[in-house]
Amino acid sequence: MGLLSNVRTGRKLAALSTVGLVSCAIIGTVAQGAQQIAQNIGGVAASATSTSRGAATTQTSAADLARMAGEVDRLAAGFSY
């Protein structure tokens, strides 16, 4: 009975070893996915910063254009038709 018990124990240990290897592979894949997500979040943050800067530039340009339009109106008012 001792030999049979040792064989069964060996099979159980082999199964546990396989589970451990599969678990390590899964954990590695999850870690890679998490790293890719972190990189993507960094890209989104950089895009948001760039968009914010672009919006500020657009706002400044619109204010300049409004000021110039006012000047044109003032200059045009000096002319008689």
Protein backbone atom coordinates (compact mmCIF):
# COMPACT_ATOMS: atom_id res chain seq x y z
CA MET A 1 0.00 0.00 0.00
CA GLY A 2 2.96 2.34 0.60
CA LEU A 3 3.98 2.39 -3.07
CA LEU A 4 0.42 3.14 -4.22
CA SER A 5 0.19 5.95 -1.68
CA ASN A 6 3.48 7.41 -2.93
CA VAL A 7 2.26 7.30 -6.53
CA ARG A 8 -0.95 9.08 -5.58
CA THR A 9 1.00 11.67 -3.64
CA GLY A 10 3.31 12.16 -6.62
CA ARG A 11 0.34 12.70 -8.93
CA LYS A 12 -1.16 15.22 -6.52
CA LEU A 13 2.13 17.07 -6.31
CA ALA A 14 2.41 17.11 -10.11
CA ALA A 15 -1.13 18.49 -10.37
CA LEU A 16 -0.32 21.19 -7.82
CA SER A 17 2.83 22.06 -9.72
CA THR A 18 0.81 22.43 -12.93
CA VAL A 19 -1.71 24.67 -11.15
CA GLY A 20 1.16 26.79 -9.87
CA LEU A 21 2.66 27.17 -13.34
CA VAL A 22 -0.70 28.10 -14.86
CA SER A 23 -1.31 30.59 -12.05
CA CYS A 24 2.07 32.22 -12.68
CA ALA A 25 1.30 32.54 -16.38
CA ILE A 26 -2.08 34.12 -15.64
CA ILE A 27 -0.56 36.55 -13.15
CA GLY A 28 2.08 37.54 -15.71
CA THR A 29 -0.60 38.22 -18.31
CA VAL A 30 -2.64 40.28 -15.85
CA ALA A 31 0.46 42.28 -14.92
CA GLN A 32 1.16 43.04 -18.59
CA GLY A 33 -2.44 44.15 -19.06
CA ALA A 34 -2.22 46.41 -16.03
CA GLN A 35 0.97 47.96 -17.40
CA GLN A 36 -0.71 48.64 -20.76
CA ILE A 37 -3.68 50.23 -19.01
CA ALA A 38 -1.34 52.48 -17.02
CA GLN A 39 0.42 53.55 -20.22
CA ASN A 40 -2.91 54.27 -21.91
CA ILE A 41 -4.04 56.37 -18.95
CA GLY A 42 -0.81 58.35 -19.26
CA GLY A 43 -1.56 58.95 -22.94
CA VAL A 44 -5.09 60.11 -22.13
CA ALA A 45 -3.74 62.50 -19.50
CA ALA A 46 -1.24 63.95 -21.99
CA SER A 47 -4.01 64.39 -24.56
CA ALA A 48 -6.20 66.13 -22.00
CA THR A 49 -3.38 68.54 -21.18
CA SER A 50 -2.82 69.27 -24.86
CA THR A 51 -6.55 69.83 -25.40
CA SER A 52 -6.67 72.21 -22.46
CA ARG A 53 -3.78 74.21 -23.87
CA GLY A 54 -5.46 74.30 -27.27
CA ALA A 55 -8.69 75.56 -25.70
CA ALA A 56 -6.80 78.33 -23.90
CA THR A 57 -5.12 79.37 -27.16
CA THR A 58 -8.50 79.39 -28.92
CA GLN A 59 -9.96 81.56 -26.17
CA THR A 60 -7.09 84.04 -26.45
CA SER A 61 -7.45 84.13 -30.25
CA ALA A 62 -11.21 84.74 -29.98
CA ALA A 63 -10.61 87.63 -27.59
CA ASP A 64 -8.02 89.12 -29.97
CA LEU A 65 -10.42 88.76 -32.89
CA ALA A 66 -13.22 90.47 -30.93
CA ARG A 67 -10.86 93.33 -30.06
CA MET A 68 -9.85 93.71 -33.72
CA ALA A 69 -13.48 93.64 -34.82
CA GLY A 70 -14.17 96.47 -32.40
CA GLU A 71 -11.31 98.45 -33.91
CA VAL A 72 -12.61 97.87 -37.42
CA ASP A 73 -16.08 99.05 -36.34
CA ARG A 74 -14.56 102.18 -34.76
CA LEU A 75 -12.50 102.93 -37.89
CA ALA A 76 -15.40 102.25 -40.23
CA ALA A 77 -17.62 104.62 -38.24
CA GLY A 78 -15.29 107.44 -39.21
CA PHE A 79 -16.11 107.05 -42.87
CA SER A 80 -19.23 108.50 -44.45
CA TYR A 81 -20.95 106.70 -47.27
